Each structure stands twice: as C-alpha cells, then as structure tokens.
Amino acid sequence: MSYLSPPRILIAAWRGGAGKTLLSLGLIRAFKKQGKKVAPFKKGPDYIDAAWLTLAAQNLCHNLDLFLMKREAVPYAFWKSALKADLSVVEGNRGLYDGLDAAGSQSTAELAKLIETPVILIVDGDKITRTAAALVLGCQKIDAQVNIKGVILNKVARPRHEEVMRKAIESTCGLPVLGAIPRGANFPFPERHLGLIPPWEHNFVAEVLQMAEELVVNNVNLEGVWEIARSAPPPEEVLTKMEKRETDAVKGQSYKKFTIGVIKDSAFQFYYPENLQALEKRGATILEISAIKEELLPRVDALYIGGGFPETNAEYLANNLSFRNSIRQAVEDGLPVYAECGGLMFLGESLNIGTKNYPMVGALPIAFAMERQPQGHGYTILKVNKKNPFFPIGLHLHGHEFHYSRVLWLKENPAYFVCQVLRGMGIDGQMDGFCYNNILGMFSHLHAAGCPEWADGLAKCAVAYRLREKASRGMGQKLREVSP
C-alpha cells in the first residue's frame, strides 16, 4: 500500500437502481478475500446502503455528502479512513451528475473530483446496445475533469448482446469494459421505502453477500479494476490542514467526562459514525441501550435517539411499558434528549399503523400515523428561531429527511417549535424541531461534520445535567446526615 497515492475507485451509474450497491458489495468482498483491507464509503445521506457496505467490508462505512457536510470536511472524512486501508470503494448515488440543480451541485461527479478518485461507470444494458456508448460518451464529455476510467455492463441478455455493447463502448469511448453481469441474476434484495431492506431485518445476509462476491469474481476483471484503483493520483495536501482544522475546532473546549445514552436496536439504527465520534471527542462515553430489551433507562447524562423503523417494532416498543415510563420520568426530571425522525416518533404519544394504535413514550404532546407514500423526502434547510437546549438562535441547519409518518395531532403549549423550514417538509410543512423541557425532536437528520454546534450543544447539556444531578445527590446526602 502506498500512502502517497492510496488505491481508490468510485462506483457510479447514469441513474439510480442500475446496480451500484450490488457491484460495490461484490467488489468489496472480492478484494477483501484477496487479503486487502477495504475502506467503504457511501455518497449521500443513506444509512441502509452504508450498513450493507459495512458488513461486506467488515469495516465501518462513512457517508460523504456535499450538502450535509461542510465542503472542506469531506476530503478529511475520506482520507482519514482511506489512508488506513489497502483500497477504498466509494458507492455513488443516483446518476453520476445528478445534484440539486442543473449544474449538478453536490453530485457524485463533484465528489469524485473533490477526492480525486477514478470512476467506474455501471451501464444498465437492459434493451439497449450501441446507445450505451452514446450514454457513456455523454458522461465523458459533460465534464472532462471527472476521471471515468472503465465500464461494467449490467443486465446483459446473452453473449452477442455483451459483444455489441463492449465493442461500441471501447471503440467510441476509449474505455475498457471490465465485466458484464448477466440479466436475471436473482438476488434476495427486496426493497422498502425506496431503498433496500436493512441488513438487520434481512434473513439471509451472509448468503446475499456471498452471492454478490461470486457474481463479481465470475464476471468482472478484478485485476483491471485494481489497476484503475492504483492509477489514482496522489491526494492534494489537504490532510494535515484538515487535522489542524479539527484540532482547532475543539481546542479550548473544556468538557468534563459524561455519558451519552444512544438507543440502538432493531428499531433505531440510523447514526452517522462521525456523530458519535464528535461526542466522544468532547468527552462522552457512549452507552448503547435497547428500547426493546431494557426494562429501565440506565443512568445517563443525556439521551440520543436516532432514526430507524419504529413502525416495524411498534408492538415491542409499546409492550415495554417500564422502559417508556422511565424515559418519560427522566424527561420530567430534566434529562437532555435529542431525537431524530424515528426517535421523534418514539417520544410522541402514539403511533398509528393501519387500524392499530401503539402507545409510545408520551414525553412530547404529538401523535403520528404511518402512510403508504413518503411524507417528507430529501434535503432540508432549517433556521433556528427560538431558544432551545442545543442550538443558538439564527443558526442554519443543513439536513435530510425521509419518513412515511405524518402528524395526527400536536399541542404547542407547553411544547413549541424551534426551527423554521426553509427547504423540505419538517413536521408540519413549515416548522421542525419540537421542543419541551430539555427535549428536542426533529424529522431532519444532521451530520456532525456539517453542524459541529450539534455536538457542542449536546455535550454542554450533558455536562450541565451531570453537575446538577451530582449537586442534587450531594444535597440529598447532607439532608440525610442531619436528619434526626
């Protein structure tokens, strides 16, 4: 492995659903079997693809997102993992040039340029032949700075189909065709909510990963892929600058030690690694808690409830009455709680699924119902306009939302909204961030590399709560000592 030019590739396509995840999983497994340590990355905010990539690599997958994260933080997030691996595999999202506008802002192509990574383009060959060459050529010409180095064909009908596409692409575009995946490869990758079923709900994870590996090994020129990965240029001198930037960002912040409870189980799984790492850098010990198995909330200084699928576990969550009651009591006692999407739903009064109603924690005066269509989907921009435990007034938050739940009812007194929605849906189309006492729940997910104020706010709340509790216990002890 060369630290001057770490081998790396980015897997892209000209549309979503073209096979990026399948090929990425197969390539990661195939190279891992050769003895290489693979660092996986997912472009965009997706938690589920990242979970599959983590399992394939047996190495934590990091998201890279030019909207959620500050632009200068993206190369650092990439290099600090890439430099520890023999190969980095980045899975793109949507089409190569698809972004928020006609210029392709925040696209996979922009990411490829930023981290100076060669692109392997997946070509969906369903019902096309020479037109595939035109599409590849268009991807080459639209931005010559995007380093497209090879092509993998997908959904190839028969040998003649492959031969025509291969010759057309290689002669017209001057790119090597590195492999051809046959049409009809039957993989148990069912989808839900516009994405893959998460691996923790999948019955055949090991088998699926093995099948993806075999598909790639049998149909892709791995040596050709490796040569492309090794052709990646040496990175710009950004790593040292970014390390200094991060050190300076937390320098002088004297946080005491504290414990953050993180609810992580089959209902709540959506956490960016950088979010937890940001808390640890500020002095946190992370304590993972199951809302399904724990009888009571352990003693913590703050609680972080991420997103997930509480609707698939609603009966288990509802039946764990003692745990729900312990959270509600902790909230009334002032415990700081930050919740995103599924976590927000869990803190509400109830969750309706079809004709069934499931009681939730009841810490926030809000109730939800599940719908068949997305109620909020995409990037969000929020402006903090009211006092709250975690964020300063006036701060703009860049996030993303993806939920099928809608609000049935809410009461704004004593709870209240904190954030105005400038882009996206939020809780009611206009506002997000529902606050009561030291709770803040919102549909938007945030990334710590784009919002360091989030980790600062949660850390400060946790330390303040810890000191308050310590003082309270000390006072109680003194009262007991002087009591007759």
Protein backbone atom coordinates (compact mmCIF):
# COMPACT_ATOMS: atom_id res chain seq x y z
CA MET A 1 0.00 0.00 0.00
CA SER A 2 1.29 3.45 -0.95
CA TYR A 3 0.45 6.29 1.38
CA LEU A 4 1.40 8.73 -1.37
CA SER A 5 -1.36 7.51 -3.66
CA PRO A 6 -3.91 5.29 -1.87
CA PRO A 7 -5.76 2.97 -4.33
CA ARG A 8 -9.39 4.01 -4.67
CA ILE A 9 -12.38 3.76 -7.00
CA LEU A 10 -15.84 5.27 -7.17
CA ILE A 11 -18.72 3.17 -8.47
CA ALA A 12 -21.26 5.28 -10.39
CA ALA A 13 -24.07 4.90 -12.92
CA TRP A 14 -26.24 7.17 -15.02
CA ARG A 15 -29.33 6.54 -12.90
CA GLY A 16 -30.47 5.08 -9.61
CA GLY A 17 -31.31 1.38 -9.49
CA ALA A 18 -28.61 0.44 -12.02
CA GLY A 19 -26.75 -1.95 -9.70
CA LYS A 20 -24.28 0.25 -7.81
CA THR A 21 -24.87 -1.37 -4.44
CA LEU A 22 -24.72 -4.92 -5.76
CA LEU A 23 -21.45 -4.28 -7.63
CA SER A 24 -19.95 -2.35 -4.72
CA LEU A 25 -20.74 -5.15 -2.29
CA GLY A 26 -19.34 -7.77 -4.65
CA LEU A 27 -16.14 -5.82 -5.32
CA ILE A 28 -15.56 -5.15 -1.63
CA ARG A 29 -16.00 -8.83 -0.77
CA ALA A 30 -13.83 -9.99 -3.67
CA PHE A 31 -10.92 -7.71 -2.76
CA LYS A 32 -11.30 -8.48 0.93
CA LYS A 33 -10.99 -12.18 0.09
CA GLN A 34 -7.64 -11.35 -1.57
CA GLY A 35 -6.45 -10.12 1.82
CA LYS A 36 -6.91 -6.40 1.22
CA LYS A 37 -8.32 -4.13 3.89
CA VAL A 38 -11.15 -2.21 2.22
CA ALA A 39 -12.48 1.15 3.38
CA PRO A 40 -16.12 1.55 2.21
CA PHE A 41 -17.85 4.88 1.63
CA LYS A 42 -21.37 5.87 0.59
CA LYS A 43 -22.02 9.10 -1.26
CA GLY A 44 -25.15 10.76 0.10
CA PRO A 45 -27.12 10.50 3.33
CA ASP A 46 -28.23 6.85 3.01
CA TYR A 47 -27.93 4.80 6.21
CA ILE A 48 -29.04 1.44 4.82
CA ASP A 49 -26.61 1.10 1.92
CA ALA A 50 -23.88 2.16 4.36
CA ALA A 51 -24.91 -0.64 6.72
CA TRP A 52 -24.62 -3.23 3.92
CA LEU A 53 -21.22 -1.84 2.87
CA THR A 54 -20.02 -2.02 6.49
CA LEU A 55 -20.94 -5.71 6.67
CA ALA A 56 -19.29 -6.51 3.34
CA ALA A 57 -16.01 -4.82 4.29
CA GLN A 58 -16.11 -5.67 7.99
CA ASN A 59 -15.01 -2.07 8.29
CA LEU A 60 -17.09 0.97 9.19
CA CYS A 61 -18.65 2.73 6.19
CA HIS A 62 -18.58 6.53 6.19
CA ASN A 63 -21.02 8.77 4.34
CA LEU A 64 -19.66 11.55 2.12
CA ASP A 65 -22.19 14.28 1.36
CA LEU A 66 -21.56 17.72 -0.10
CA PHE A 67 -24.85 19.10 1.23
CA LEU A 68 -24.90 17.73 4.78
CA MET A 69 -21.19 18.21 5.40
CA LYS A 70 -19.07 21.31 5.09
CA ARG A 71 -17.22 21.02 1.78
CA GLU A 72 -13.77 21.25 3.35
CA ALA A 73 -14.69 18.43 5.77
CA VAL A 74 -15.45 15.90 3.03
CA PRO A 75 -11.83 15.22 1.91
CA TYR A 76 -10.75 14.87 5.53
CA ALA A 77 -13.57 12.40 6.27
CA PHE A 78 -12.43 10.40 3.24
CA TRP A 79 -8.66 10.46 3.73
CA LYS A 80 -8.58 9.66 7.42
CA SER A 81 -10.14 6.25 6.59
CA ALA A 82 -8.64 5.76 3.13
CA LEU A 83 -5.09 6.13 4.42
CA LYS A 84 -5.62 3.19 6.77
CA ALA A 85 -6.78 0.80 4.03
CA ASP A 86 -5.36 -1.02 1.02
CA LEU A 87 -8.31 0.01 -1.14
CA SER A 88 -11.19 2.47 -0.84
CA VAL A 89 -14.50 1.79 -2.58
CA VAL A 90 -16.97 4.68 -2.81
CA GLU A 91 -20.55 3.91 -3.87
CA GLY A 92 -22.16 6.87 -5.61
CA ASN A 93 -25.84 7.71 -5.51
CA ARG A 94 -28.41 8.36 -8.22
CA GLY A 95 -26.92 9.30 -11.59
CA LEU A 96 -23.29 10.41 -11.85
CA TYR A 97 -24.18 14.08 -12.49
CA ASP A 98 -27.44 14.28 -10.56
CA GLY A 99 -27.45 17.03 -7.94
CA LEU A 100 -29.68 19.73 -6.56
CA ASP A 101 -29.69 21.83 -9.72
CA ALA A 102 -28.93 21.81 -13.46
CA ALA A 103 -25.24 22.31 -12.70
CA GLY A 104 -25.12 19.04 -10.76
CA SER A 105 -24.25 20.64 -7.45
CA GLN A 106 -23.48 18.10 -4.72
CA SER A 107 -23.45 15.27 -7.32
CA THR A 108 -21.40 12.08 -7.32
CA ALA A 109 -19.26 13.65 -10.07
CA GLU A 110 -18.43 16.61 -7.83
CA LEU A 111 -17.42 14.22 -5.05
CA ALA A 112 -15.20 12.23 -7.44
CA LYS A 113 -13.35 15.43 -8.37
CA LEU A 114 -13.03 16.60 -4.79
CA ILE A 115 -11.40 13.36 -3.59
CA GLU A 116 -9.56 12.82 -6.90
CA THR A 117 -10.94 9.32 -7.39
CA PRO A 118 -11.27 7.44 -10.70
CA VAL A 119 -14.80 6.42 -11.67
CA ILE A 120 -16.03 3.05 -12.88
CA LEU A 121 -19.36 3.52 -14.63
CA ILE A 122 -22.04 0.84 -14.44
CA VAL A 123 -24.02 0.60 -17.67
CA ASP A 124 -27.51 -0.86 -17.44
CA GLY A 125 -27.76 -2.78 -20.71
CA ASP A 126 -31.45 -3.55 -20.50
CA LYS A 127 -32.94 -3.12 -24.02
CA ILE A 128 -30.01 -1.13 -25.47
CA THR A 129 -26.84 -1.90 -27.45
CA ARG A 130 -24.83 0.85 -29.23
CA THR A 131 -26.84 3.56 -27.46
CA ALA A 132 -24.90 2.54 -24.34
CA ALA A 133 -21.78 4.01 -25.99
CA ALA A 134 -23.61 7.30 -26.57
CA LEU A 135 -24.58 7.47 -22.91
CA VAL A 136 -21.05 6.71 -21.74
CA LEU A 137 -19.63 9.26 -24.18
CA GLY A 138 -22.03 11.87 -22.85
CA CYS A 139 -20.83 11.17 -19.30
CA GLN A 140 -17.25 11.64 -20.50
CA LYS A 141 -17.91 14.88 -22.37
CA ILE A 142 -20.14 16.74 -19.92
CA ASP A 143 -17.21 17.28 -17.54
CA ALA A 144 -13.72 16.29 -18.64
CA GLN A 145 -12.43 16.71 -15.08
CA VAL A 146 -14.39 13.64 -13.98
CA ASN A 147 -11.92 10.79 -14.36
CA ILE A 148 -14.03 7.95 -15.86
CA LYS A 149 -11.64 5.03 -16.29
CA GLY A 150 -13.76 1.97 -17.01
CA VAL A 151 -17.19 0.42 -17.53
CA ILE A 152 -19.02 -2.59 -16.11
CA LEU A 153 -22.06 -3.81 -18.01
CA ASN A 154 -25.13 -4.92 -16.08
CA LYS A 155 -28.25 -6.86 -17.11
CA VAL A 156 -26.61 -8.37 -20.19
CA ALA A 157 -29.01 -10.68 -22.06
CA ARG A 158 -26.63 -13.00 -23.95
CA PRO A 159 -23.04 -13.15 -25.30
CA ARG A 160 -23.90 -11.30 -28.53
CA HIS A 161 -25.55 -8.52 -26.53
CA GLU A 162 -22.37 -8.16 -24.47
CA GLU A 163 -20.14 -8.23 -27.55
CA VAL A 164 -22.02 -5.43 -29.33
CA MET A 165 -22.04 -3.17 -26.27
CA ARG A 166 -18.41 -3.91 -25.45
CA LYS A 167 -17.18 -3.09 -28.97
CA ALA A 168 -19.33 0.04 -29.20
CA ILE A 169 -18.12 1.42 -25.87
CA GLU A 170 -14.45 0.55 -26.30
CA SER A 171 -14.22 1.87 -29.87
CA THR A 172 -16.29 5.01 -29.31
CA CYS A 173 -15.27 5.96 -25.78
CA GLY A 174 -11.79 4.50 -25.47
CA LEU A 175 -12.65 2.90 -22.14
CA PRO A 176 -12.12 -0.72 -21.11
CA VAL A 177 -15.20 -2.82 -20.38
CA LEU A 178 -14.19 -4.58 -17.19
CA GLY A 179 -17.04 -7.06 -16.94
CA ALA A 180 -20.59 -7.99 -17.78
CA ILE A 181 -23.22 -9.07 -15.25
CA PRO A 182 -25.87 -11.37 -16.74
CA ARG A 183 -29.51 -10.36 -16.73
CA GLY A 184 -31.72 -12.24 -14.30
CA ALA A 185 -29.16 -12.66 -11.53
CA ASN A 186 -31.63 -13.44 -8.76
CA PHE A 187 -30.60 -11.81 -5.51
CA PRO A 188 -32.84 -11.53 -2.48
CA PHE A 189 -32.51 -7.75 -2.19
CA PRO A 190 -36.13 -6.72 -1.52
CA GLU A 191 -36.81 -3.01 -1.23
CA ARG A 192 -38.95 -0.94 1.11
CA HIS A 193 -39.37 2.82 1.30
CA LEU A 194 -37.45 3.36 -1.97
CA GLY A 195 -34.38 1.51 -0.65
CA LEU A 196 -33.04 -1.86 0.36
CA ILE A 197 -34.34 -3.77 3.35
CA PRO A 198 -31.79 -3.05 6.10
CA PRO A 199 -29.46 -5.94 6.90
CA TRP A 200 -30.70 -6.25 10.50
CA GLU A 201 -34.12 -7.17 9.09
CA HIS A 202 -32.79 -9.46 6.34
CA ASN A 203 -32.90 -13.23 6.83
CA PHE A 204 -30.02 -14.17 4.53
CA VAL A 205 -27.29 -11.54 4.95
CA ALA A 206 -24.32 -13.90 4.68
CA GLU A 207 -25.81 -15.68 1.66
CA VAL A 208 -26.54 -12.43 -0.18
CA LEU A 209 -23.02 -11.10 0.36
CA GLN A 210 -21.55 -14.41 -0.81
CA MET A 211 -23.70 -14.35 -3.94
CA ALA A 212 -22.63 -10.76 -4.70
CA GLU A 213 -18.99 -11.77 -4.30
CA GLU A 214 -19.35 -14.78 -6.61
CA LEU A 215 -21.13 -12.70 -9.22
CA VAL A 216 -18.26 -10.22 -9.35
CA VAL A 217 -15.50 -12.82 -9.20
CA ASN A 218 -17.06 -14.77 -12.08
CA ASN A 219 -17.91 -11.81 -14.31
CA VAL A 220 -15.58 -8.88 -13.59
CA ASN A 221 -11.89 -8.36 -14.38
CA LEU A 222 -10.66 -7.71 -10.85
CA GLU A 223 -7.10 -7.10 -11.99
CA GLY A 224 -8.34 -4.39 -14.32
CA VAL A 225 -10.32 -2.79 -11.51
CA TRP A 226 -7.27 -2.92 -9.25
CA GLU A 227 -5.08 -1.23 -11.86
CA ILE A 228 -7.62 1.58 -12.16
CA ALA A 229 -7.67 1.95 -8.36
CA ARG A 230 -3.87 2.11 -8.31
CA SER A 231 -3.88 4.77 -11.03
CA ALA A 232 -5.49 7.30 -8.68
CA PRO A 233 -3.29 10.39 -8.34
CA PRO A 234 -1.62 11.38 -5.06
CA PRO A 235 -4.01 13.45 -2.93
CA GLU A 236 -3.60 17.17 -2.58
CA GLU A 237 -2.02 18.39 0.63
CA VAL A 238 -5.32 18.58 2.49
CA LEU A 239 -4.99 16.03 5.27
CA THR A 240 -2.62 17.99 7.50
CA LYS A 241 -4.70 21.13 7.08
CA MET A 242 -7.91 19.28 7.93
CA GLU A 243 -6.41 17.63 11.02
CA LYS A 244 -5.28 21.04 12.25
CA ARG A 245 -8.72 22.50 11.47
CA GLU A 246 -10.45 19.77 13.51
CA THR A 247 -7.97 20.14 16.39
CA ASP A 248 -8.50 23.89 16.45
CA ALA A 249 -12.28 23.41 16.37
CA VAL A 250 -12.34 21.56 19.69
CA LYS A 251 -9.25 23.19 21.26
CA GLY A 252 -10.05 25.11 24.38
CA GLN A 253 -13.43 23.43 24.85
CA SER A 254 -13.02 22.06 28.36
CA TYR A 255 -15.70 19.42 28.62
CA LYS A 256 -15.83 17.15 31.62
CA LYS A 257 -16.48 13.44 31.24
CA PHE A 258 -20.10 12.47 30.72
CA THR A 259 -22.23 9.60 29.46
CA ILE A 260 -24.49 9.76 26.42
CA GLY A 261 -27.11 7.04 26.11
CA VAL A 262 -27.69 6.01 22.49
CA ILE A 263 -30.72 3.87 21.76
CA LYS A 264 -29.55 1.28 19.27
CA ASP A 265 -31.53 -1.84 18.47
CA SER A 266 -33.64 -3.23 15.63
CA ALA A 267 -35.92 -0.17 15.83
CA PHE A 268 -33.24 2.55 15.94
CA GLN A 269 -30.11 2.11 13.81
CA PHE A 270 -29.56 5.34 11.90
CA TYR A 271 -26.43 7.02 13.26
CA TYR A 272 -23.55 8.57 11.33
CA PRO A 273 -20.24 7.36 12.82
CA GLU A 274 -18.96 10.93 12.86
CA ASN A 275 -21.84 11.99 15.11
CA LEU A 276 -20.88 9.52 17.81
CA GLN A 277 -17.18 10.27 17.31
CA ALA A 278 -17.85 14.00 17.67
CA LEU A 279 -19.47 13.36 21.05
CA GLU A 280 -16.56 11.16 22.15
CA LYS A 281 -14.07 13.89 21.20
CA ARG A 282 -15.95 16.19 23.55
CA GLY A 283 -15.62 13.78 26.47
CA ALA A 284 -18.57 11.43 26.03
CA THR A 285 -18.73 7.77 26.88
CA ILE A 286 -21.30 6.20 24.55
CA LEU A 287 -23.65 3.74 26.22
CA GLU A 288 -25.78 1.72 23.78
CA ILE A 289 -29.28 0.98 25.05
CA SER A 290 -32.09 -1.20 23.67
CA ALA A 291 -35.58 0.27 23.85
CA ILE A 292 -36.91 -3.25 23.29
CA LYS A 293 -34.91 -5.26 25.85
CA GLU A 294 -34.04 -2.81 28.65
CA GLU A 295 -36.55 -2.60 31.49
CA LEU A 296 -35.39 0.82 32.67
CA LEU A 297 -33.34 3.65 31.24
CA PRO A 298 -29.83 3.42 32.75
CA ARG A 299 -28.33 6.46 34.44
CA VAL A 300 -27.03 8.72 31.66
CA ASP A 301 -26.32 12.43 31.34
CA ALA A 302 -28.12 12.82 28.01
CA LEU A 303 -30.01 10.62 25.55
CA TYR A 304 -29.61 10.49 21.77
CA ILE A 305 -32.31 8.64 19.80
CA GLY A 306 -31.57 8.34 16.11
CA GLY A 307 -33.79 7.34 13.24
CA GLY A 308 -34.89 3.90 12.20
CA PHE A 309 -38.08 1.94 11.73
CA PRO A 310 -40.09 2.10 14.97
CA GLU A 311 -43.13 1.06 12.93
CA THR A 312 -41.63 -2.41 12.32
CA ASN A 313 -41.09 -2.79 16.07
CA ALA A 314 -44.11 -0.87 17.33
CA GLU A 315 -45.58 -3.78 19.27
CA TYR A 316 -42.31 -4.47 21.11
CA LEU A 317 -41.79 -0.79 21.89
CA ALA A 318 -45.36 -0.40 23.12
CA ASN A 319 -45.19 -3.51 25.30
CA ASN A 320 -42.05 -2.30 27.10
CA LEU A 321 -44.06 -0.09 29.44
CA SER A 322 -41.44 0.15 32.20
CA PHE A 323 -38.81 1.48 29.78
CA ARG A 324 -41.20 4.01 28.24
CA ASN A 325 -42.21 5.22 31.69
CA SER A 326 -38.58 5.55 32.80
CA ILE A 327 -37.80 7.78 29.81
CA ARG A 328 -40.83 9.96 30.45
CA GLN A 329 -39.84 10.36 34.10
CA ALA A 330 -36.25 11.19 33.13
CA VAL A 331 -37.56 13.88 30.77
CA GLU A 332 -39.65 15.41 33.54
CA ASP A 333 -36.53 15.40 35.72
CA GLY A 334 -34.71 17.44 33.07
CA LEU A 335 -32.67 14.82 31.18
CA PRO A 336 -31.45 16.31 27.86
CA VAL A 337 -32.81 14.28 24.94
CA TYR A 338 -32.09 14.79 21.25
CA ALA A 339 -34.17 12.73 18.80
CA GLU A 340 -34.26 12.39 15.01
CA CYS A 341 -37.15 11.09 12.89
CA GLY A 342 -37.90 7.65 14.35
CA GLY A 343 -36.66 8.89 17.69
CA LEU A 344 -39.11 11.79 17.50
CA MET A 345 -41.94 9.35 16.75
CA PHE A 346 -40.94 7.21 19.74
CA LEU A 347 -41.06 10.21 22.10
CA GLY A 348 -44.60 11.09 20.99
CA GLU A 349 -47.88 9.94 22.48
CA SER A 350 -48.73 7.21 20.00
CA LEU A 351 -48.14 5.70 16.56
CA ASN A 352 -51.00 4.61 14.31
CA ILE A 353 -50.30 1.81 11.82
CA GLY A 354 -53.38 0.93 9.79
CA THR A 355 -56.19 0.35 12.27
CA LYS A 356 -53.88 -0.26 15.23
CA ASN A 357 -52.71 2.33 17.71
CA TYR A 358 -49.50 1.81 19.68
CA PRO A 359 -48.67 3.91 22.74
CA MET A 360 -45.20 5.43 22.71
CA VAL A 361 -43.22 7.29 25.42
CA GLY A 362 -45.59 10.26 25.74
CA ALA A 363 -42.81 12.74 26.52
CA LEU A 364 -43.91 15.05 23.69
CA PRO A 365 -47.54 16.09 23.05
CA ILE A 366 -47.62 14.80 19.47
CA ALA A 367 -49.01 11.70 17.74
CA PHE A 368 -48.11 10.09 14.42
CA ALA A 369 -49.58 7.81 11.78
CA MET A 370 -47.84 5.79 9.08
CA GLU A 371 -48.81 6.37 5.45
CA ARG A 372 -48.13 4.44 2.24
CA GLN A 373 -46.35 7.31 0.50
CA PRO A 374 -43.39 9.43 1.67
CA GLN A 375 -44.46 12.44 3.70
CA GLY A 376 -41.03 14.05 3.62
CA HIS A 377 -38.13 13.11 1.35
CA GLY A 378 -34.94 15.00 0.53
CA TYR A 379 -32.52 17.57 1.81
CA THR A 380 -33.68 20.17 4.32
CA ILE A 381 -32.59 23.62 5.40
CA LEU A 382 -33.81 24.87 8.77
CA LYS A 383 -33.37 28.19 10.57
CA VAL A 384 -33.29 28.10 14.36
CA ASN A 385 -35.55 30.91 15.51
CA LYS A 386 -36.40 30.10 19.13
CA LYS A 387 -34.46 29.33 22.28
CA ASN A 388 -33.75 25.63 22.80
CA PRO A 389 -31.29 23.41 24.69
CA PHE A 390 -28.93 22.60 21.79
CA PHE A 391 -28.66 25.26 19.07
CA PRO A 392 -28.09 29.03 19.06
CA ILE A 393 -30.82 31.21 17.57
CA GLY A 394 -30.09 32.22 13.98
CA LEU A 395 -28.17 29.05 13.08
CA HIS A 396 -28.96 27.47 9.69
CA LEU A 397 -29.04 23.66 9.71
CA HIS A 398 -28.49 21.50 6.62
CA GLY A 399 -30.11 18.09 7.00
CA HIS A 400 -32.14 15.45 5.24
CA GLU A 401 -35.48 13.78 5.90
CA PHE A 402 -37.13 10.59 4.74
CA HIS A 403 -40.27 9.50 6.53
CA TYR A 404 -43.61 7.91 5.81
CA SER A 405 -45.15 9.20 9.01
CA ARG A 406 -47.36 12.24 9.40
CA VAL A 407 -48.61 14.16 12.40
CA LEU A 408 -52.10 13.27 13.62
CA TRP A 409 -52.21 15.98 16.24
CA LEU A 410 -49.91 18.10 18.40
CA LYS A 411 -50.20 20.61 21.21
CA GLU A 412 -47.91 23.63 21.15
CA ASN A 413 -48.34 24.53 24.79
CA PRO A 414 -46.11 23.86 26.71
CA ALA A 415 -44.18 22.33 23.78
CA TYR A 416 -43.17 24.62 20.90
CA PHE A 417 -41.45 24.66 17.52
CA VAL A 418 -37.83 25.77 17.29
CA CYS A 419 -36.93 25.73 13.58
CA GLN A 420 -38.44 27.35 10.50
CA VAL A 421 -38.30 25.11 7.43
CA LEU A 422 -36.62 26.90 4.51
CA ARG A 423 -36.38 23.73 2.41
CA GLY A 424 -38.19 20.44 2.94
CA MET A 425 -41.26 19.32 4.86
CA GLY A 426 -40.29 19.16 8.54
CA ILE A 427 -43.01 18.28 11.00
CA ASP A 428 -45.90 20.31 9.57
CA GLY A 429 -44.59 21.74 6.29
CA GLN A 430 -43.43 24.96 7.90
CA MET A 431 -41.67 24.07 11.13
CA ASP A 432 -39.37 21.38 12.51
CA GLY A 433 -37.73 20.83 15.87
CA PHE A 434 -40.42 20.19 18.53
CA CYS A 435 -39.16 21.22 21.96
CA TYR A 436 -40.30 20.57 25.51
CA ASN A 437 -38.21 20.96 28.64
CA ASN A 438 -34.77 19.63 27.58
CA ILE A 439 -36.10 17.55 24.64
CA LEU A 440 -35.68 18.46 21.00
CA GLY A 441 -37.14 16.14 18.37
CA MET A 442 -36.99 16.75 14.62
CA PHE A 443 -37.58 14.91 11.36
CA SER A 444 -34.33 16.26 9.89
CA HIS A 445 -31.15 14.22 10.32
CA LEU A 446 -27.94 16.21 10.84
CA HIS A 447 -24.30 15.29 10.26
CA ALA A 448 -21.71 16.44 12.79
CA ALA A 449 -19.24 17.31 10.02
CA GLY A 450 -21.74 19.88 8.78
CA CYS A 451 -23.03 21.02 12.15
CA PRO A 452 -20.42 20.97 14.94
CA GLU A 453 -22.84 23.07 17.02
CA TRP A 454 -24.96 19.92 17.43
CA ALA A 455 -22.22 18.02 19.29
CA ASP A 456 -21.26 21.14 21.25
CA GLY A 457 -24.85 21.66 22.36
CA LEU A 458 -25.49 18.06 23.39
CA ALA A 459 -22.15 17.88 25.24
CA LYS A 460 -22.82 21.10 27.18
CA CYS A 461 -26.32 19.97 28.11
CA ALA A 462 -24.98 16.61 29.29
CA VAL A 463 -22.27 18.21 31.44
CA ALA A 464 -24.75 20.67 32.96
CA TYR A 465 -27.18 17.86 33.76
CA ARG A 466 -24.41 15.74 35.29
CA LEU A 467 -23.28 18.59 37.53
CA ARG A 468 -26.87 19.34 38.52
CA GLU A 469 -27.52 15.71 39.38
CA LYS A 470 -24.27 15.45 41.33
CA ALA A 471 -25.15 18.55 43.33
CA SER A 472 -28.66 17.21 43.93
CA ARG A 473 -27.35 13.87 45.18
CA GLY A 474 -24.86 15.68 47.43
CA MET A 475 -27.61 17.83 48.92
CA GLY A 476 -29.74 14.75 49.49
CA GLN A 477 -26.85 13.07 51.30
CA LYS A 478 -26.35 16.11 53.55
CA LEU A 479 -30.06 16.21 54.40
CA ARG A 480 -29.96 12.55 55.37
CA GLU A 481 -26.91 13.16 57.57
CA VAL A 482 -28.58 15.96 59.53
CA SER A 483 -31.98 14.29 59.82
CA PRO A 484 -32.78 13.10 63.36
